[in-house]
Amino acid sequence: LHAQNHVRNMTFPPDFLVSFHSRVMTLLPGDIISTGTPRAVQIKNKDIIECRIDGFEPLKNTVRDLKINP
């Protein structure tokens, strides 16, 4: 575990971010809005990114650096 944070620590609340981004792009089911983190941690090729929301199965994705693995 590199870093962990909570929604309550976000600068802008999720409803604002969804509204803001949906003005300039179509958001589809399953889309993720990556907002960064106050304590930034560099992600590397083959790291696993995990998102957890109560009531749902965790969403896990492996990072793929396109400079290394085109």
N, C-alpha and C. Protein backbone atom coordinates (compact mmCIF):
# COMPACT_ATOMS: atom_id res chain seq x y z
N LEU A 1 0.86 -1.18 0.00
CA LEU A 1 0.00 0.00 0.00
C LEU A 1 0.90 1.23 0.00
N HIS A 2 0.79 2.03 -1.05
CA HIS A 2 1.60 3.25 -1.15
C HIS A 2 0.92 4.42 -0.48
N ALA A 3 -0.36 4.58 -0.73
CA ALA A 3 -1.09 5.72 -0.19
C ALA A 3 -2.56 5.38 -0.06
N GLN A 4 -3.20 5.99 0.88
CA GLN A 4 -4.63 5.81 1.08
C GLN A 4 -5.21 7.16 1.47
N ASN A 5 -6.38 7.46 0.94
CA ASN A 5 -7.02 8.72 1.27
C ASN A 5 -8.52 8.52 1.26
N HIS A 6 -9.26 9.54 1.64
CA HIS A 6 -10.71 9.45 1.74
C HIS A 6 -11.36 10.62 1.02
N VAL A 7 -12.58 10.40 0.56
CA VAL A 7 -13.32 11.42 -0.17
C VAL A 7 -13.45 12.70 0.64
N ARG A 8 -13.62 12.59 1.92
CA ARG A 8 -13.81 13.79 2.75
C ARG A 8 -12.60 14.74 2.71
N ASN A 9 -11.45 14.25 2.27
CA ASN A 9 -10.25 15.09 2.18
C ASN A 9 -10.08 15.77 0.83
N MET A 10 -11.01 15.54 -0.10
CA MET A 10 -10.89 16.10 -1.44
C MET A 10 -11.10 17.62 -1.42
N THR A 11 -10.39 18.33 -2.29
CA THR A 11 -10.56 19.77 -2.42
C THR A 11 -11.94 20.11 -2.97
N PHE A 12 -12.38 19.36 -3.99
CA PHE A 12 -13.70 19.55 -4.59
C PHE A 12 -14.51 18.27 -4.39
N PRO A 13 -15.78 18.37 -4.03
CA PRO A 13 -16.59 17.17 -3.82
C PRO A 13 -16.89 16.45 -5.14
N PRO A 14 -17.14 15.14 -5.08
CA PRO A 14 -17.37 14.35 -6.29
C PRO A 14 -18.49 14.89 -7.18
N ASP A 15 -19.60 15.36 -6.60
CA ASP A 15 -20.70 15.85 -7.44
C ASP A 15 -20.27 17.06 -8.27
N PHE A 16 -19.44 17.92 -7.70
CA PHE A 16 -18.93 19.07 -8.45
C PHE A 16 -18.03 18.59 -9.59
N LEU A 17 -17.14 17.63 -9.32
CA LEU A 17 -16.21 17.15 -10.35
C LEU A 17 -16.95 16.48 -11.50
N VAL A 18 -17.97 15.69 -11.20
CA VAL A 18 -18.75 15.04 -12.26
C VAL A 18 -19.45 16.10 -13.10
N SER A 19 -20.06 17.07 -12.45
CA SER A 19 -20.75 18.15 -13.17
C SER A 19 -19.77 18.93 -14.05
N PHE A 20 -18.63 19.28 -13.48
CA PHE A 20 -17.62 20.05 -14.20
C PHE A 20 -17.14 19.31 -15.45
N HIS A 21 -16.76 18.05 -15.29
CA HIS A 21 -16.22 17.29 -16.42
C HIS A 21 -17.29 16.95 -17.45
N SER A 22 -18.51 16.75 -17.01
CA SER A 22 -19.57 16.39 -17.97
C SER A 22 -19.96 17.57 -18.86
N ARG A 23 -19.52 18.76 -18.53
CA ARG A 23 -19.77 19.91 -19.40
C ARG A 23 -18.90 19.87 -20.66
N VAL A 24 -17.77 19.19 -20.59
CA VAL A 24 -16.85 19.19 -21.73
C VAL A 24 -16.64 17.80 -22.34
N MET A 25 -17.19 16.78 -21.73
CA MET A 25 -17.04 15.43 -22.27
C MET A 25 -18.22 14.57 -21.84
N THR A 26 -18.47 13.52 -22.59
CA THR A 26 -19.52 12.58 -22.24
C THR A 26 -18.93 11.56 -21.27
N LEU A 27 -19.55 11.43 -20.12
CA LEU A 27 -19.12 10.43 -19.15
C LEU A 27 -19.98 9.19 -19.34
N LEU A 28 -19.33 8.04 -19.47
CA LEU A 28 -20.01 6.77 -19.70
C LEU A 28 -19.91 5.89 -18.46
N PRO A 29 -20.83 4.92 -18.32
CA PRO A 29 -20.74 4.00 -17.18
C PRO A 29 -19.35 3.35 -17.12
N GLY A 30 -18.77 3.35 -15.94
CA GLY A 30 -17.44 2.77 -15.75
C GLY A 30 -16.30 3.76 -15.90
N ASP A 31 -16.58 4.97 -16.40
CA ASP A 31 -15.53 5.98 -16.51
C ASP A 31 -15.01 6.35 -15.12
N ILE A 32 -13.74 6.68 -15.05
CA ILE A 32 -13.12 7.09 -13.80
C ILE A 32 -12.55 8.49 -13.99
N ILE A 33 -12.83 9.37 -13.05
CA ILE A 33 -12.24 10.70 -13.04
C ILE A 33 -11.09 10.66 -12.04
N SER A 34 -9.88 10.69 -12.54
CA SER A 34 -8.70 10.63 -11.67
C SER A 34 -8.39 12.04 -11.19
N THR A 35 -8.45 12.24 -9.89
CA THR A 35 -8.30 13.59 -9.33
C THR A 35 -6.96 13.84 -8.68
N GLY A 36 -6.10 12.86 -8.65
CA GLY A 36 -4.82 13.03 -8.00
C GLY A 36 -4.95 12.86 -6.49
N THR A 37 -3.91 13.18 -5.79
CA THR A 37 -3.90 13.02 -4.34
C THR A 37 -3.01 14.08 -3.72
N PRO A 38 -3.37 14.60 -2.55
CA PRO A 38 -2.51 15.59 -1.90
C PRO A 38 -1.12 15.07 -1.58
N ARG A 39 -1.01 13.80 -1.27
CA ARG A 39 0.30 13.19 -1.00
C ARG A 39 0.67 12.33 -2.20
N ALA A 40 1.05 12.96 -3.28
CA ALA A 40 1.29 12.25 -4.54
C ALA A 40 2.34 11.16 -4.38
N VAL A 41 2.05 10.03 -4.98
CA VAL A 41 2.97 8.90 -5.02
C VAL A 41 3.15 8.54 -6.48
N GLN A 42 4.39 8.40 -6.91
CA GLN A 42 4.64 8.07 -8.31
C GLN A 42 4.21 6.64 -8.57
N ILE A 43 3.39 6.45 -9.62
CA ILE A 43 3.01 5.10 -9.99
C ILE A 43 3.96 4.63 -11.08
N LYS A 44 4.20 3.32 -11.10
CA LYS A 44 5.15 2.74 -12.04
C LYS A 44 4.50 1.61 -12.81
N ASN A 45 5.13 1.23 -13.91
CA ASN A 45 4.68 0.10 -14.70
C ASN A 45 4.46 -1.12 -13.81
N LYS A 46 3.35 -1.78 -13.99
CA LYS A 46 2.94 -3.00 -13.28
C LYS A 46 2.43 -2.76 -11.86
N ASP A 47 2.40 -1.49 -11.40
CA ASP A 47 1.72 -1.21 -10.13
C ASP A 47 0.24 -1.55 -10.30
N ILE A 48 -0.42 -1.85 -9.22
CA ILE A 48 -1.86 -2.13 -9.26
C ILE A 48 -2.58 -0.98 -8.57
N ILE A 49 -3.53 -0.39 -9.28
CA ILE A 49 -4.36 0.69 -8.75
C ILE A 49 -5.69 0.08 -8.34
N GLU A 50 -6.12 0.38 -7.14
CA GLU A 50 -7.36 -0.20 -6.63
C GLU A 50 -8.28 0.90 -6.12
N CYS A 51 -9.54 0.80 -6.51
CA CYS A 51 -10.56 1.74 -6.06
C CYS A 51 -11.64 0.95 -5.31
N ARG A 52 -11.96 1.39 -4.11
CA ARG A 52 -12.98 0.70 -3.30
C ARG A 52 -14.12 1.66 -2.97
N ILE A 53 -15.33 1.17 -3.20
CA ILE A 53 -16.55 1.89 -2.86
C ILE A 53 -17.43 0.92 -2.10
N ASP A 54 -17.89 1.34 -0.92
CA ASP A 54 -18.74 0.47 -0.11
C ASP A 54 -19.89 -0.09 -0.94
N GLY A 55 -20.12 -1.40 -0.83
CA GLY A 55 -21.22 -2.05 -1.52
C GLY A 55 -20.86 -2.57 -2.90
N PHE A 56 -19.63 -2.31 -3.37
CA PHE A 56 -19.20 -2.77 -4.68
C PHE A 56 -17.92 -3.59 -4.54
N GLU A 57 -17.68 -4.46 -5.52
CA GLU A 57 -16.42 -5.18 -5.57
C GLU A 57 -15.30 -4.18 -5.89
N PRO A 58 -14.10 -4.40 -5.36
CA PRO A 58 -12.99 -3.49 -5.69
C PRO A 58 -12.70 -3.49 -7.19
N LEU A 59 -12.36 -2.32 -7.71
CA LEU A 59 -11.94 -2.19 -9.10
C LEU A 59 -10.42 -2.13 -9.10
N LYS A 60 -9.79 -3.10 -9.77
CA LYS A 60 -8.33 -3.17 -9.79
C LYS A 60 -7.84 -3.12 -11.23
N ASN A 61 -6.83 -2.30 -11.46
CA ASN A 61 -6.21 -2.20 -12.78
C ASN A 61 -4.70 -2.15 -12.63
N THR A 62 -4.02 -2.81 -13.54
CA THR A 62 -2.56 -2.81 -13.56
C THR A 62 -2.09 -1.66 -14.44
N VAL A 63 -1.13 -0.89 -13.93
CA VAL A 63 -0.57 0.24 -14.68
C VAL A 63 0.28 -0.30 -15.82
N ARG A 64 0.11 0.30 -16.99
CA ARG A 64 0.91 -0.08 -18.15
C ARG A 64 1.57 1.17 -18.70
N ASP A 65 2.88 1.25 -18.55
CA ASP A 65 3.65 2.38 -19.08
C ASP A 65 3.83 2.16 -20.58
N LEU A 66 3.17 2.97 -21.39
CA LEU A 66 3.22 2.79 -22.83
C LEU A 66 4.60 3.07 -23.42
N LYS A 67 5.47 3.74 -22.67
CA LYS A 67 6.85 3.94 -23.14
C LYS A 67 7.64 2.65 -23.04
N ILE A 68 7.27 1.81 -22.08
CA ILE A 68 7.96 0.52 -21.89
C ILE A 68 7.24 -0.58 -22.65
N ASN A 69 5.91 -0.59 -22.59
CA ASN A 69 5.07 -1.62 -23.23
C ASN A 69 4.11 -0.97 -24.21
N PRO A 70 4.58 -0.62 -25.40
CA PRO A 70 3.69 0.06 -26.37
C PRO A 70 2.53 -0.81 -26.85
